[in-house]
Amino acid sequence: MDVKDISGVKEVIIRLEDRELVIPNAEVNIMKVMGQETYQVTGTAVEV
């Protein structure tokens, strides 16, 4: 497993059908395992 932090993230937006989850100042990590990438987002989401 290889885990790396992504620096400089301003916000993460998750778009759903009728709303968005906006996570300002999120901490994001990428974990690579067996050719697959998994993103871990840490922060407080605001629903829009």
All heavy atoms as atom14 arrays in JSON, in Angstrom:
{
  "sequence": "MDVKDISGVKEVIIRLEDRELVIPNAEVNIMKVMGQETYQVTGTAVEV",
  "atom14_mask": [
    [1, 1, 1, 1, 1, 1, 1, 1, 0, 0, 0, 0, 0, 0],
    [1, 1, 1, 1, 1, 1, 1, 1, 0, 0, 0, 0, 0, 0],
    [1, 1, 1, 1, 1, 1, 1, 0, 0, 0, 0, 0, 0, 0],
    [1, 1, 1, 1, 1, 1, 1, 1, 1, 0, 0, 0, 0, 0],
    [1, 1, 1, 1, 1, 1, 1, 1, 0, 0, 0, 0, 0, 0],
    [1, 1, 1, 1, 1, 1, 1, 1, 0, 0, 0, 0, 0, 0],
    [1, 1, 1, 1, 1, 1, 0, 0, 0, 0, 0, 0, 0, 0],
    [1, 1, 1, 1, 0, 0, 0, 0, 0, 0, 0, 0, 0, 0],
    [1, 1, 1, 1, 1, 1, 1, 0, 0, 0, 0, 0, 0, 0],
    [1, 1, 1, 1, 1, 1, 1, 1, 1, 0, 0, 0, 0, 0],
    [1, 1, 1, 1, 1, 1, 1, 1, 1, 0, 0, 0, 0, 0],
    [1, 1, 1, 1, 1, 1, 1, 0, 0, 0, 0, 0, 0, 0],
    [1, 1, 1, 1, 1, 1, 1, 1, 0, 0, 0, 0, 0, 0],
    [1, 1, 1, 1, 1, 1, 1, 1, 0, 0, 0, 0, 0, 0],
    [1, 1, 1, 1, 1, 1, 1, 1, 1, 1, 1, 0, 0, 0],
    [1, 1, 1, 1, 1, 1, 1, 1, 0, 0, 0, 0, 0, 0],
    [1, 1, 1, 1, 1, 1, 1, 1, 1, 0, 0, 0, 0, 0],
    [1, 1, 1, 1, 1, 1, 1, 1, 0, 0, 0, 0, 0, 0],
    [1, 1, 1, 1, 1, 1, 1, 1, 1, 1, 1, 0, 0, 0],
    [1, 1, 1, 1, 1, 1, 1, 1, 1, 0, 0, 0, 0, 0],
    [1, 1, 1, 1, 1, 1, 1, 1, 0, 0, 0, 0, 0, 0],
    [1, 1, 1, 1, 1, 1, 1, 0, 0, 0, 0, 0, 0, 0],
    [1, 1, 1, 1, 1, 1, 1, 1, 0, 0, 0, 0, 0, 0],
    [1, 1, 1, 1, 1, 1, 1, 0, 0, 0, 0, 0, 0, 0],
    [1, 1, 1, 1, 1, 1, 1, 1, 0, 0, 0, 0, 0, 0],
    [1, 1, 1, 1, 1, 0, 0, 0, 0, 0, 0, 0, 0, 0],
    [1, 1, 1, 1, 1, 1, 1, 1, 1, 0, 0, 0, 0, 0],
    [1, 1, 1, 1, 1, 1, 1, 0, 0, 0, 0, 0, 0, 0],
    [1, 1, 1, 1, 1, 1, 1, 1, 0, 0, 0, 0, 0, 0],
    [1, 1, 1, 1, 1, 1, 1, 1, 0, 0, 0, 0, 0, 0],
    [1, 1, 1, 1, 1, 1, 1, 1, 0, 0, 0, 0, 0, 0],
    [1, 1, 1, 1, 1, 1, 1, 1, 1, 0, 0, 0, 0, 0],
    [1, 1, 1, 1, 1, 1, 1, 0, 0, 0, 0, 0, 0, 0],
    [1, 1, 1, 1, 1, 1, 1, 1, 0, 0, 0, 0, 0, 0],
    [1, 1, 1, 1, 0, 0, 0, 0, 0, 0, 0, 0, 0, 0],
    [1, 1, 1, 1, 1, 1, 1, 1, 1, 0, 0, 0, 0, 0],
    [1, 1, 1, 1, 1, 1, 1, 1, 1, 0, 0, 0, 0, 0],
    [1, 1, 1, 1, 1, 1, 1, 0, 0, 0, 0, 0, 0, 0],
    [1, 1, 1, 1, 1, 1, 1, 1, 1, 1, 1, 1, 0, 0],
    [1, 1, 1, 1, 1, 1, 1, 1, 1, 0, 0, 0, 0, 0],
    [1, 1, 1, 1, 1, 1, 1, 0, 0, 0, 0, 0, 0, 0],
    [1, 1, 1, 1, 1, 1, 1, 0, 0, 0, 0, 0, 0, 0],
    [1, 1, 1, 1, 0, 0, 0, 0, 0, 0, 0, 0, 0, 0],
    [1, 1, 1, 1, 1, 1, 1, 0, 0, 0, 0, 0, 0, 0],
    [1, 1, 1, 1, 1, 0, 0, 0, 0, 0, 0, 0, 0, 0],
    [1, 1, 1, 1, 1, 1, 1, 0, 0, 0, 0, 0, 0, 0],
    [1, 1, 1, 1, 1, 1, 1, 1, 1, 0, 0, 0, 0, 0],
    [1, 1, 1, 1, 1, 1, 1, 0, 0, 0, 0, 0, 0, 0]
  ],
  "atom14_positions": [
    [[0.84, -1.19, 0.0], [0.0, 0.0, 0.0], [0.88, 1.24, 0.0], [1.86, 1.31, 0.73], [-0.91, 0.02, 1.23], [-1.82, -1.18, 1.34], [-2.57, -1.28, 2.97], [-4.16, -0.62, 2.64], [0.0, 0.0, 0.0], [0.0, 0.0, 0.0], [0.0, 0.0, 0.0], [0.0, 0.0, 0.0], [0.0, 0.0, 0.0], [0.0, 0.0, 0.0]],
    [[0.52, 2.19, -0.83], [1.26, 3.46, -0.89], [0.28, 4.59, -0.63], [-0.72, 4.73, -1.34], [1.9, 3.61, -2.28], [2.74, 4.86, -2.4], [3.3, 5.3, -1.37], [2.83, 5.4, -3.51], [0.0, 0.0, 0.0], [0.0, 0.0, 0.0], [0.0, 0.0, 0.0], [0.0, 0.0, 0.0], [0.0, 0.0, 0.0], [0.0, 0.0, 0.0]],
    [[0.55, 5.39, 0.41], [-0.34, 6.49, 0.77], [0.41, 7.8, 0.66], [1.52, 7.93, 1.17], [-0.88, 6.31, 2.21], [-1.78, 7.47, 2.6], [-1.63, 5.0, 2.36], [0.0, 0.0, 0.0], [0.0, 0.0, 0.0], [0.0, 0.0, 0.0], [0.0, 0.0, 0.0], [0.0, 0.0, 0.0], [0.0, 0.0, 0.0], [0.0, 0.0, 0.0]],
    [[-0.21, 8.77, -0.03], [0.39, 10.09, -0.17], [-0.66, 11.16, 0.09], [-1.84, 11.01, -0.28], [0.95, 10.28, -1.57], [2.14, 9.39, -1.87], [2.73, 9.65, -3.22], [3.9, 8.7, -3.42], [4.39, 8.67, -4.75], [0.0, 0.0, 0.0], [0.0, 0.0, 0.0], [0.0, 0.0, 0.0], [0.0, 0.0, 0.0], [0.0, 0.0, 0.0]],
    [[-0.22, 12.25, 0.71], [-1.1, 13.4, 0.92], [-1.11, 14.26, -0.33], [-0.1, 14.38, -1.02], [-0.6, 14.26, 2.1], [-0.69, 13.54, 3.43], [-1.54, 12.64, 3.56], [0.08, 13.89, 4.34], [0.0, 0.0, 0.0], [0.0, 0.0, 0.0], [0.0, 0.0, 0.0], [0.0, 0.0, 0.0], [0.0, 0.0, 0.0], [0.0, 0.0, 0.0]],
    [[-2.25, 14.88, -0.61], [-2.33, 15.86, -1.68], [-2.32, 17.23, -1.0], [-3.19, 17.52, -0.19], [-3.63, 15.7, -2.5], [-3.67, 14.34, -3.17], [-3.74, 16.81, -3.54], [-4.95, 14.08, -3.94], [0.0, 0.0, 0.0], [0.0, 0.0, 0.0], [0.0, 0.0, 0.0], [0.0, 0.0, 0.0], [0.0, 0.0, 0.0], [0.0, 0.0, 0.0]],
    [[-1.34, 18.04, -1.34], [-1.25, 19.36, -0.7], [-1.93, 20.41, -1.58], [-2.09, 20.23, -2.78], [0.21, 19.74, -0.47], [0.89, 19.78, -1.7], [0.0, 0.0, 0.0], [0.0, 0.0, 0.0], [0.0, 0.0, 0.0], [0.0, 0.0, 0.0], [0.0, 0.0, 0.0], [0.0, 0.0, 0.0], [0.0, 0.0, 0.0], [0.0, 0.0, 0.0]],
    [[-2.35, 21.5, -0.94], [-2.94, 22.62, -1.66], [-4.41, 22.46, -2.0], [-4.93, 23.2, -2.85], [0.0, 0.0, 0.0], [0.0, 0.0, 0.0], [0.0, 0.0, 0.0], [0.0, 0.0, 0.0], [0.0, 0.0, 0.0], [0.0, 0.0, 0.0], [0.0, 0.0, 0.0], [0.0, 0.0, 0.0], [0.0, 0.0, 0.0], [0.0, 0.0, 0.0]],
    [[-5.1, 21.52, -1.37], [-6.53, 21.32, -1.66], [-7.33, 22.46, -1.05], [-7.24, 22.72, 0.15], [-7.02, 19.96, -1.11], [-8.52, 19.79, -1.32], [-6.26, 18.82, -1.75], [0.0, 0.0, 0.0], [0.0, 0.0, 0.0], [0.0, 0.0, 0.0], [0.0, 0.0, 0.0], [0.0, 0.0, 0.0], [0.0, 0.0, 0.0], [0.0, 0.0, 0.0]],
    [[-8.12, 23.15, -1.88], [-8.94, 24.26, -1.39], [-10.31, 23.76, -0.93], [-10.81, 24.19, 0.1], [-9.12, 25.31, -2.48], [-7.84, 26.03, -2.81], [-8.07, 27.09, -3.84], [-6.75, 27.78, -4.17], [-6.92, 28.85, -5.12], [0.0, 0.0, 0.0], [0.0, 0.0, 0.0], [0.0, 0.0, 0.0], [0.0, 0.0, 0.0], [0.0, 0.0, 0.0]],
    [[-10.92, 22.87, -1.74], [-12.2, 22.29, -1.35], [-12.46, 21.04, -2.18], [-11.89, 20.86, -3.25], [-13.35, 23.28, -1.5], [-13.71, 23.62, -2.92], [-14.86, 24.62, -3.03], [-15.35, 25.12, -2.01], [-15.26, 24.9, -4.16], [0.0, 0.0, 0.0], [0.0, 0.0, 0.0], [0.0, 0.0, 0.0], [0.0, 0.0, 0.0], [0.0, 0.0, 0.0]],
    [[-13.32, 20.2, -1.65], [-13.75, 19.0, -2.36], [-15.26, 19.1, -2.53], [-15.97, 19.42, -1.58], [-13.38, 17.71, -1.57], [-13.97, 16.48, -2.23], [-11.88, 17.59, -1.43], [0.0, 0.0, 0.0], [0.0, 0.0, 0.0], [0.0, 0.0, 0.0], [0.0, 0.0, 0.0], [0.0, 0.0, 0.0], [0.0, 0.0, 0.0], [0.0, 0.0, 0.0]],
    [[-15.74, 18.83, -3.74], [-17.17, 18.9, -4.02], [-17.64, 17.53, -4.48], [-17.09, 16.96, -5.41], [-17.49, 19.95, -5.1], [-17.02, 21.33, -4.65], [-18.98, 19.96, -5.42], [-17.11, 22.38, -5.72], [0.0, 0.0, 0.0], [0.0, 0.0, 0.0], [0.0, 0.0, 0.0], [0.0, 0.0, 0.0], [0.0, 0.0, 0.0], [0.0, 0.0, 0.0]],
    [[-18.66, 17.01, -3.8], [-19.28, 15.76, -4.19], [-20.66, 16.11, -4.72], [-21.51, 16.62, -3.99], [-19.38, 14.78, -3.0], [-17.98, 14.49, -2.46], [-20.1, 13.5, -3.43], [-17.97, 13.71, -1.17], [0.0, 0.0, 0.0], [0.0, 0.0, 0.0], [0.0, 0.0, 0.0], [0.0, 0.0, 0.0], [0.0, 0.0, 0.0], [0.0, 0.0, 0.0]],
    [[-20.88, 15.88, -6.03], [-22.15, 16.24, -6.67], [-23.1, 15.05, -6.64], [-22.8, 13.99, -7.17], [-21.92, 16.68, -8.1], [-21.27, 18.02, -8.17], [-21.38, 18.65, -9.56], [-20.83, 19.98, -9.5], [-19.57, 20.28, -9.77], [-18.75, 19.34, -10.14], [-19.15, 21.52, -9.7], [0.0, 0.0, 0.0], [0.0, 0.0, 0.0], [0.0, 0.0, 0.0]],
    [[-24.24, 15.26, -6.04], [-25.31, 14.28, -6.03], [-26.4, 14.76, -6.98], [-26.28, 15.83, -7.57], [-25.84, 14.11, -4.6], [-24.77, 13.74, -3.57], [-25.32, 13.87, -2.17], [-24.27, 12.34, -3.81], [0.0, 0.0, 0.0], [0.0, 0.0, 0.0], [0.0, 0.0, 0.0], [0.0, 0.0, 0.0], [0.0, 0.0, 0.0], [0.0, 0.0, 0.0]],
    [[-27.45, 14.0, -7.12], [-28.49, 14.35, -8.09], [-29.15, 15.69, -7.79], [-29.39, 16.48, -8.69], [-29.55, 13.24, -8.12], [-30.49, 13.35, -9.3], [-31.33, 12.12, -9.44], [-30.78, 11.01, -9.44], [-32.56, 12.28, -9.56], [0.0, 0.0, 0.0], [0.0, 0.0, 0.0], [0.0, 0.0, 0.0], [0.0, 0.0, 0.0], [0.0, 0.0, 0.0]],
    [[-29.45, 15.96, -6.52], [-30.19, 17.16, -6.18], [-29.45, 18.12, -5.25], [-29.99, 19.15, -4.86], [-31.53, 16.78, -5.54], [-31.34, 15.96, -4.27], [-30.24, 15.39, -4.08], [-32.28, 15.88, -3.46], [0.0, 0.0, 0.0], [0.0, 0.0, 0.0], [0.0, 0.0, 0.0], [0.0, 0.0, 0.0], [0.0, 0.0, 0.0], [0.0, 0.0, 0.0]],
    [[-28.21, 17.78, -4.89], [-27.46, 18.63, -3.97], [-25.97, 18.37, -4.11], [-25.56, 17.42, -4.77], [-27.92, 18.43, -2.54], [-27.62, 17.06, -1.97], [-28.36, 16.82, -0.65], [-27.96, 15.6, -0.02], [-28.31, 14.38, -0.38], [-29.06, 14.2, -1.42], [-27.89, 13.33, 0.3], [0.0, 0.0, 0.0], [0.0, 0.0, 0.0], [0.0, 0.0, 0.0]],
    [[-25.18, 19.22, -3.48], [-23.73, 19.04, -3.46], [-23.26, 19.01, -2.02], [-23.83, 19.69, -1.15], [-23.03, 20.21, -4.16], [-23.26, 20.28, -5.63], [-22.56, 21.46, -6.28], [-22.17, 22.42, -5.58], [-22.41, 21.41, -7.51], [0.0, 0.0, 0.0], [0.0, 0.0, 0.0], [0.0, 0.0, 0.0], [0.0, 0.0, 0.0], [0.0, 0.0, 0.0]],
    [[-22.23, 18.24, -1.76], [-21.55, 18.27, -0.47], [-20.23, 18.98, -0.71], [-19.4, 18.51, -1.48], [-21.31, 16.85, 0.06], [-22.56, 16.02, 0.35], [-22.15, 14.61, 0.76], [-23.4, 16.67, 1.43], [0.0, 0.0, 0.0], [0.0, 0.0, 0.0], [0.0, 0.0, 0.0], [0.0, 0.0, 0.0], [0.0, 0.0, 0.0], [0.0, 0.0, 0.0]],
    [[-20.05, 20.13, -0.06], [-18.84, 20.93, -0.23], [-18.03, 20.81, 1.05], [-18.53, 21.06, 2.14], [-19.19, 22.41, -0.51], [-17.92, 23.23, -0.67], [-20.06, 22.52, -1.76], [0.0, 0.0, 0.0], [0.0, 0.0, 0.0], [0.0, 0.0, 0.0], [0.0, 0.0, 0.0], [0.0, 0.0, 0.0], [0.0, 0.0, 0.0], [0.0, 0.0, 0.0]],
    [[-16.77, 20.41, 0.9], [-15.87, 20.24, 2.04], [-14.72, 21.23, 1.88], [-13.77, 20.96, 1.14], [-15.34, 18.79, 2.14], [-16.52, 17.81, 2.12], [-14.48, 18.62, 3.38], [-16.12, 16.39, 1.9], [0.0, 0.0, 0.0], [0.0, 0.0, 0.0], [0.0, 0.0, 0.0], [0.0, 0.0, 0.0], [0.0, 0.0, 0.0], [0.0, 0.0, 0.0]],
    [[-14.83, 22.41, 2.53], [-13.75, 23.39, 2.41], [-12.54, 22.98, 3.24], [-12.68, 22.28, 4.25], [-14.39, 24.67, 2.96], [-15.5, 24.22, 3.84], [-15.95, 22.88, 3.33], [0.0, 0.0, 0.0], [0.0, 0.0, 0.0], [0.0, 0.0, 0.0], [0.0, 0.0, 0.0], [0.0, 0.0, 0.0], [0.0, 0.0, 0.0], [0.0, 0.0, 0.0]],
    [[-11.37, 23.39, 2.79], [-10.11, 23.11, 3.5], [-9.96, 21.62, 3.85], [-9.56, 21.27, 4.95], [-9.98, 23.96, 4.77], [-10.05, 25.42, 4.45], [-9.47, 25.89, 3.48], [-10.79, 26.18, 5.25], [0.0, 0.0, 0.0], [0.0, 0.0, 0.0], [0.0, 0.0, 0.0], [0.0, 0.0, 0.0], [0.0, 0.0, 0.0], [0.0, 0.0, 0.0]],
    [[-10.3, 20.76, 2.91], [-10.25, 19.32, 3.15], [-8.82, 18.8, 3.11], [-7.97, 19.35, 2.43], [-11.09, 18.6, 2.09], [0.0, 0.0, 0.0], [0.0, 0.0, 0.0], [0.0, 0.0, 0.0], [0.0, 0.0, 0.0], [0.0, 0.0, 0.0], [0.0, 0.0, 0.0], [0.0, 0.0, 0.0], [0.0, 0.0, 0.0], [0.0, 0.0, 0.0]],
    [[-8.58, 17.75, 3.87], [-7.32, 17.02, 3.78], [-7.6, 15.8, 2.92], [-8.55, 15.05, 3.18], [-6.86, 16.58, 5.17], [-6.42, 17.73, 6.06], [-5.94, 17.24, 7.42], [-5.46, 16.08, 7.51], [-6.06, 18.01, 8.37], [0.0, 0.0, 0.0], [0.0, 0.0, 0.0], [0.0, 0.0, 0.0], [0.0, 0.0, 0.0], [0.0, 0.0, 0.0]],
    [[-6.79, 15.6, 1.88], [-7.03, 14.5, 0.95], [-5.78, 13.63, 0.85], [-4.68, 14.13, 0.69], [-7.41, 15.03, -0.46], [-7.69, 13.88, -1.41], [-8.62, 15.96, -0.38], [0.0, 0.0, 0.0], [0.0, 0.0, 0.0], [0.0, 0.0, 0.0], [0.0, 0.0, 0.0], [0.0, 0.0, 0.0], [0.0, 0.0, 0.0], [0.0, 0.0, 0.0]],
    [[-6.0, 12.32, 0.95], [-4.93, 11.33, 0.81], [-5.29, 10.38, -0.32], [-6.46, 10.07, -0.53], [-4.77, 10.5, 2.09], [-4.49, 11.35, 3.29], [-3.66, 12.24, 3.23], [-5.2, 11.1, 4.37], [0.0, 0.0, 0.0], [0.0, 0.0, 0.0], [0.0, 0.0, 0.0], [0.0, 0.0, 0.0], [0.0, 0.0, 0.0], [0.0, 0.0, 0.0]],
    [[-4.27, 9.92, -1.03], [-4.47, 8.91, -2.07], [-3.79, 7.63, -1.58], [-2.62, 7.64, -1.21], [-3.83, 9.31, -3.4], [-4.44, 10.59, -3.93], [-4.01, 8.2, -4.42], [-3.77, 11.07, -5.21], [0.0, 0.0, 0.0], [0.0, 0.0, 0.0], [0.0, 0.0, 0.0], [0.0, 0.0, 0.0], [0.0, 0.0, 0.0], [0.0, 0.0, 0.0]],
    [[-4.56, 6.53, -1.6], [-3.99, 5.25, -1.23], [-4.02, 4.36, -2.47], [-5.07, 4.17, -3.08], [-4.79, 4.59, -0.1], [-4.22, 3.26, 0.3], [-4.96, 2.47, 1.77], [-6.61, 3.0, 1.81], [0.0, 0.0, 0.0], [0.0, 0.0, 0.0], [0.0, 0.0, 0.0], [0.0, 0.0, 0.0], [0.0, 0.0, 0.0], [0.0, 0.0, 0.0]],
    [[-2.86, 3.86, -2.86], [-2.75, 2.96, -4.02], [-2.53, 1.55, -3.52], [-1.57, 1.29, -2.81], [-1.62, 3.4, -4.93], [-1.85, 4.74, -5.58], [-0.71, 5.11, -6.5], [-0.96, 6.5, -7.08], [0.12, 6.92, -7.97], [0.0, 0.0, 0.0], [0.0, 0.0, 0.0], [0.0, 0.0, 0.0], [0.0, 0.0, 0.0], [0.0, 0.0, 0.0]],
    [[-3.44, 0.67, -3.89], [-3.36, -0.73, -3.5], [-3.71, -1.58, -4.71], [-4.8, -1.44, -5.27], [-4.33, -1.07, -2.34], [-4.2, -2.52, -1.94], [-4.11, -0.16, -1.17], [0.0, 0.0, 0.0], [0.0, 0.0, 0.0], [0.0, 0.0, 0.0], [0.0, 0.0, 0.0], [0.0, 0.0, 0.0], [0.0, 0.0, 0.0], [0.0, 0.0, 0.0]],
    [[-2.8, -2.42, -5.13], [-3.03, -3.36, -6.22], [-3.58, -2.67, -7.48], [-4.52, -3.12, -8.1], [-3.96, -4.48, -5.78], [-3.37, -5.32, -4.65], [-4.51, -6.49, -3.89], [-4.92, -7.54, -5.25], [0.0, 0.0, 0.0], [0.0, 0.0, 0.0], [0.0, 0.0, 0.0], [0.0, 0.0, 0.0], [0.0, 0.0, 0.0], [0.0, 0.0, 0.0]],
    [[-3.01, -1.52, -7.81], [-3.4, -0.81, -9.03], [-4.64, 0.05, -8.89], [-5.03, 0.73, -9.83], [0.0, 0.0, 0.0], [0.0, 0.0, 0.0], [0.0, 0.0, 0.0], [0.0, 0.0, 0.0], [0.0, 0.0, 0.0], [0.0, 0.0, 0.0], [0.0, 0.0, 0.0], [0.0, 0.0, 0.0], [0.0, 0.0, 0.0], [0.0, 0.0, 0.0]],
    [[-5.29, 0.04, -7.76], [-6.49, 0.84, -7.53], [-6.14, 2.04, -6.66], [-5.34, 1.93, -5.73], [-7.57, 0.02, -6.81], [-8.11, -1.13, -7.61], [-9.0, -0.66, -8.75], [-9.75, 0.28, -8.62], [-8.86, -1.31, -9.89], [0.0, 0.0, 0.0], [0.0, 0.0, 0.0], [0.0, 0.0, 0.0], [0.0, 0.0, 0.0], [0.0, 0.0, 0.0]],
    [[-6.75, 3.19, -6.98], [-6.56, 4.39, -6.16], [-7.8, 4.65, -5.33], [-8.92, 4.61, -5.85], [-6.29, 5.61, -7.04], [-4.96, 5.58, -7.72], [-4.67, 6.85, -8.51], [-5.6, 7.67, -8.7], [-3.54, 7.02, -8.95], [0.0, 0.0, 0.0], [0.0, 0.0, 0.0], [0.0, 0.0, 0.0], [0.0, 0.0, 0.0], [0.0, 0.0, 0.0]],
    [[-7.6, 4.9, -4.04], [-8.69, 5.26, -3.14], [-8.36, 6.63, -2.55], [-7.25, 6.85, -2.09], [-8.82, 4.22, -2.0], [-9.04, 2.94, -2.58], [-9.97, 4.56, -1.08], [0.0, 0.0, 0.0], [0.0, 0.0, 0.0], [0.0, 0.0, 0.0], [0.0, 0.0, 0.0], [0.0, 0.0, 0.0], [0.0, 0.0, 0.0], [0.0, 0.0, 0.0]],
    [[-9.34, 7.51, -2.6], [-9.15, 8.86, -2.05], [-9.85, 8.95, -0.71], [-11.02, 8.58, -0.58], [-9.73, 9.91, -3.0], [-8.96, 10.0, -4.3], [-9.19, 9.1, -5.34], [-8.0, 10.98, -4.48], [-8.47, 9.17, -6.52], [-7.28, 11.06, -5.66], [-7.52, 10.15, -6.67], [-6.82, 10.22, -7.84], [0.0, 0.0, 0.0], [0.0, 0.0, 0.0]],
    [[-9.12, 9.46, 0.27], [-9.69, 9.66, 1.6], [-9.79, 11.16, 1.83], [-8.79, 11.89, 1.72], [-8.81, 9.04, 2.68], [-9.32, 9.29, 4.08], [-8.41, 8.69, 5.13], [-7.61, 7.81, 4.85], [-8.52, 9.17, 6.34], [0.0, 0.0, 0.0], [0.0, 0.0, 0.0], [0.0, 0.0, 0.0], [0.0, 0.0, 0.0], [0.0, 0.0, 0.0]],
    [[-10.99, 11.64, 2.13], [-11.24, 13.07, 2.33], [-11.63, 13.27, 3.79], [-12.55, 12.62, 4.29], [-12.37, 13.58, 1.41], [-12.64, 15.05, 1.65], [-12.03, 13.31, -0.05], [0.0, 0.0, 0.0], [0.0, 0.0, 0.0], [0.0, 0.0, 0.0], [0.0, 0.0, 0.0], [0.0, 0.0, 0.0], [0.0, 0.0, 0.0], [0.0, 0.0, 0.0]],
    [[-10.92, 14.18, 4.45], [-11.22, 14.49, 5.84], [-11.59, 15.96, 5.95], [-10.88, 16.82, 5.43], [-9.99, 14.22, 6.75], [-9.56, 12.88, 6.53], [-10.32, 14.41, 8.2], [0.0, 0.0, 0.0], [0.0, 0.0, 0.0], [0.0, 0.0, 0.0], [0.0, 0.0, 0.0], [0.0, 0.0, 0.0], [0.0, 0.0, 0.0], [0.0, 0.0, 0.0]],
    [[-12.72, 16.24, 6.6], [-13.17, 17.61, 6.77], [-14.65, 17.63, 7.1], [-15.29, 16.59, 7.24], [0.0, 0.0, 0.0], [0.0, 0.0, 0.0], [0.0, 0.0, 0.0], [0.0, 0.0, 0.0], [0.0, 0.0, 0.0], [0.0, 0.0, 0.0], [0.0, 0.0, 0.0], [0.0, 0.0, 0.0], [0.0, 0.0, 0.0], [0.0, 0.0, 0.0]],
    [[-15.18, 18.83, 7.24], [-16.6, 19.0, 7.57], [-17.35, 19.43, 6.32], [-17.03, 20.46, 5.72], [-16.77, 20.07, 8.68], [-15.99, 19.66, 9.81], [-18.21, 20.2, 9.1], [0.0, 0.0, 0.0], [0.0, 0.0, 0.0], [0.0, 0.0, 0.0], [0.0, 0.0, 0.0], [0.0, 0.0, 0.0], [0.0, 0.0, 0.0], [0.0, 0.0, 0.0]],
    [[-18.36, 18.65, 5.95], [-19.13, 18.92, 4.73], [-20.27, 19.88, 5.0], [-20.89, 19.86, 6.05], [-19.68, 17.61, 4.17], [0.0, 0.0, 0.0], [0.0, 0.0, 0.0], [0.0, 0.0, 0.0], [0.0, 0.0, 0.0], [0.0, 0.0, 0.0], [0.0, 0.0, 0.0], [0.0, 0.0, 0.0], [0.0, 0.0, 0.0], [0.0, 0.0, 0.0]],
    [[-20.53, 20.73, 4.0], [-21.67, 21.64, 4.01], [-22.56, 21.23, 2.84], [-22.08, 21.1, 1.71], [-21.22, 23.11, 3.85], [-22.4, 24.03, 3.81], [-20.25, 23.48, 4.95], [0.0, 0.0, 0.0], [0.0, 0.0, 0.0], [0.0, 0.0, 0.0], [0.0, 0.0, 0.0], [0.0, 0.0, 0.0], [0.0, 0.0, 0.0], [0.0, 0.0, 0.0]],
    [[-23.85, 21.03, 3.11], [-24.77, 20.6, 2.06], [-25.34, 21.82, 1.34], [-25.79, 22.77, 1.98], [-25.91, 19.79, 2.68], [-26.69, 19.0, 1.67], [-27.62, 18.02, 2.34], [-27.18, 17.23, 3.19], [-28.81, 18.06, 1.98], [0.0, 0.0, 0.0], [0.0, 0.0, 0.0], [0.0, 0.0, 0.0], [0.0, 0.0, 0.0], [0.0, 0.0, 0.0]],
    [[-25.3, 21.79, 0.01], [-25.78, 22.9, -0.81], [-26.8, 22.34, -1.81], [-26.51, 21.37, -2.52], [-24.62, 23.57, -1.59], [-25.12, 24.69, -2.47], [-23.56, 24.07, -0.62], [0.0, 0.0, 0.0], [0.0, 0.0, 0.0], [0.0, 0.0, 0.0], [0.0, 0.0, 0.0], [0.0, 0.0, 0.0], [0.0, 0.0, 0.0], [0.0, 0.0, 0.0]]
  ]
}
